[in-house]
């Protein structure tokens, strides 16, 4: 496995914010509409958009648009990639 420092940094940036961790905790139970995330987190829409962009860019979260709403879910592939990088750093790959 080749460790790409730039891609690795983008992935782990997603985990480096308390609000993004709370978002992931909410999403662990399944797909959620942005409106539900806004209610649960008590943050503004622009703030949510900023955090979701980081999570989407990292590949940790998937997004899909339905009508005027965005729905988000945790990406199994993204989590697998993050785990592979951790395993690599532990010398297990």
Protein backbone atom coordinates (compact mmCIF):
# COMPACT_ATOMS: atom_id res chain seq x y z
CA UNK A 1 0.00 0.00 0.00
CA UNK A 2 1.25 3.45 -0.90
CA UNK A 3 0.55 6.15 1.67
CA UNK A 4 -0.43 9.41 -0.03
CA UNK A 5 0.22 12.16 2.56
CA UNK A 6 -2.11 14.68 0.90
CA UNK A 7 -5.06 12.28 0.67
CA UNK A 8 -4.37 10.98 4.16
CA UNK A 9 -4.43 14.51 5.57
CA UNK A 10 -7.79 15.21 3.89
CA UNK A 11 -9.27 12.05 5.39
CA UNK A 12 -8.07 12.73 8.90
CA UNK A 13 -9.01 16.41 8.74
CA UNK A 14 -12.59 15.15 8.77
CA UNK A 15 -12.05 13.76 12.28
CA UNK A 16 -10.36 16.89 13.66
CA UNK A 17 -13.39 18.91 14.64
CA UNK A 18 -15.88 18.38 17.47
CA UNK A 19 -18.87 19.30 15.28
CA UNK A 20 -17.84 16.83 12.57
CA UNK A 21 -17.47 14.10 15.17
CA UNK A 22 -21.01 14.88 16.39
CA UNK A 23 -22.24 14.70 12.79
CA UNK A 24 -20.64 11.28 12.39
CA UNK A 25 -22.23 10.13 15.65
CA UNK A 26 -25.64 11.15 14.30
CA UNK A 27 -25.03 9.47 10.95
CA UNK A 28 -23.88 6.18 12.47
CA UNK A 29 -27.55 5.23 12.85
CA UNK A 30 -28.21 5.76 9.14
CA UNK A 31 -28.84 8.37 6.48
CA UNK A 32 -30.07 11.76 7.67
CA UNK A 33 -31.44 14.82 5.94
CA UNK A 34 -29.47 18.06 6.38
CA UNK A 35 -32.53 19.50 8.12
CA UNK A 36 -32.25 16.82 10.84
CA UNK A 37 -28.56 17.54 11.29
CA UNK A 38 -29.31 21.25 11.67
CA UNK A 39 -31.91 20.52 14.35
CA UNK A 40 -29.70 18.10 16.25
CA UNK A 41 -26.59 20.30 16.20
CA UNK A 42 -28.21 23.72 16.66
CA UNK A 43 -25.86 25.34 14.13
CA UNK A 44 -26.47 27.55 11.11
CA UNK A 45 -26.88 26.21 7.60
CA UNK A 46 -23.62 27.79 6.35
CA UNK A 47 -21.73 26.17 9.24
CA UNK A 48 -23.28 22.79 8.44
CA UNK A 49 -22.39 23.22 4.76
CA UNK A 50 -18.76 23.91 5.69
CA UNK A 51 -18.54 20.77 7.83
CA UNK A 52 -20.33 18.61 5.26
CA UNK A 53 -17.98 19.77 2.50
CA UNK A 54 -15.01 18.64 4.59
CA UNK A 55 -16.66 15.29 5.32
CA UNK A 56 -17.64 14.79 1.67
CA UNK A 57 -14.18 15.77 0.39
CA UNK A 58 -12.63 13.22 2.75
CA UNK A 59 -14.82 10.43 1.42
CA UNK A 60 -15.98 9.57 4.95
CA UNK A 61 -19.53 10.74 4.15
CA UNK A 62 -21.71 10.29 1.06
CA UNK A 63 -24.30 12.83 0.00
CA UNK A 64 -27.28 12.66 -2.30
CA UNK A 65 -29.76 15.31 -3.31
CA UNK A 66 -33.48 14.63 -3.25
CA UNK A 67 -35.61 17.58 -4.22
CA UNK A 68 -34.30 20.58 -2.32
CA UNK A 69 -32.71 18.55 0.49
CA UNK A 70 -29.38 16.84 0.86
CA UNK A 71 -29.18 13.48 2.58
CA UNK A 72 -25.97 12.25 4.15
CA UNK A 73 -24.67 8.87 5.24
CA UNK A 74 -21.39 7.39 6.38
CA UNK A 75 -19.36 5.85 3.56
CA UNK A 76 -18.22 2.33 4.35
CA UNK A 77 -15.55 2.70 1.66
CA UNK A 78 -14.31 5.94 3.26
CA UNK A 79 -14.09 4.33 6.69
CA UNK A 80 -12.26 1.37 5.18
CA UNK A 81 -9.70 3.71 3.59
CA UNK A 82 -9.15 5.52 6.91
CA UNK A 83 -8.67 2.16 8.65
CA UNK A 84 -6.19 1.06 5.97
CA UNK A 85 -4.10 4.17 6.59
CA UNK A 86 -4.15 3.54 10.35
CA UNK A 87 -3.14 -0.09 9.79
CA UNK A 88 -0.34 1.07 7.50
CA UNK A 89 0.98 3.44 10.15
CA UNK A 90 0.84 0.63 12.73
CA UNK A 91 2.88 -1.53 10.36
CA UNK A 92 0.05 -3.99 9.81
CA UNK A 93 -0.21 -3.59 6.01
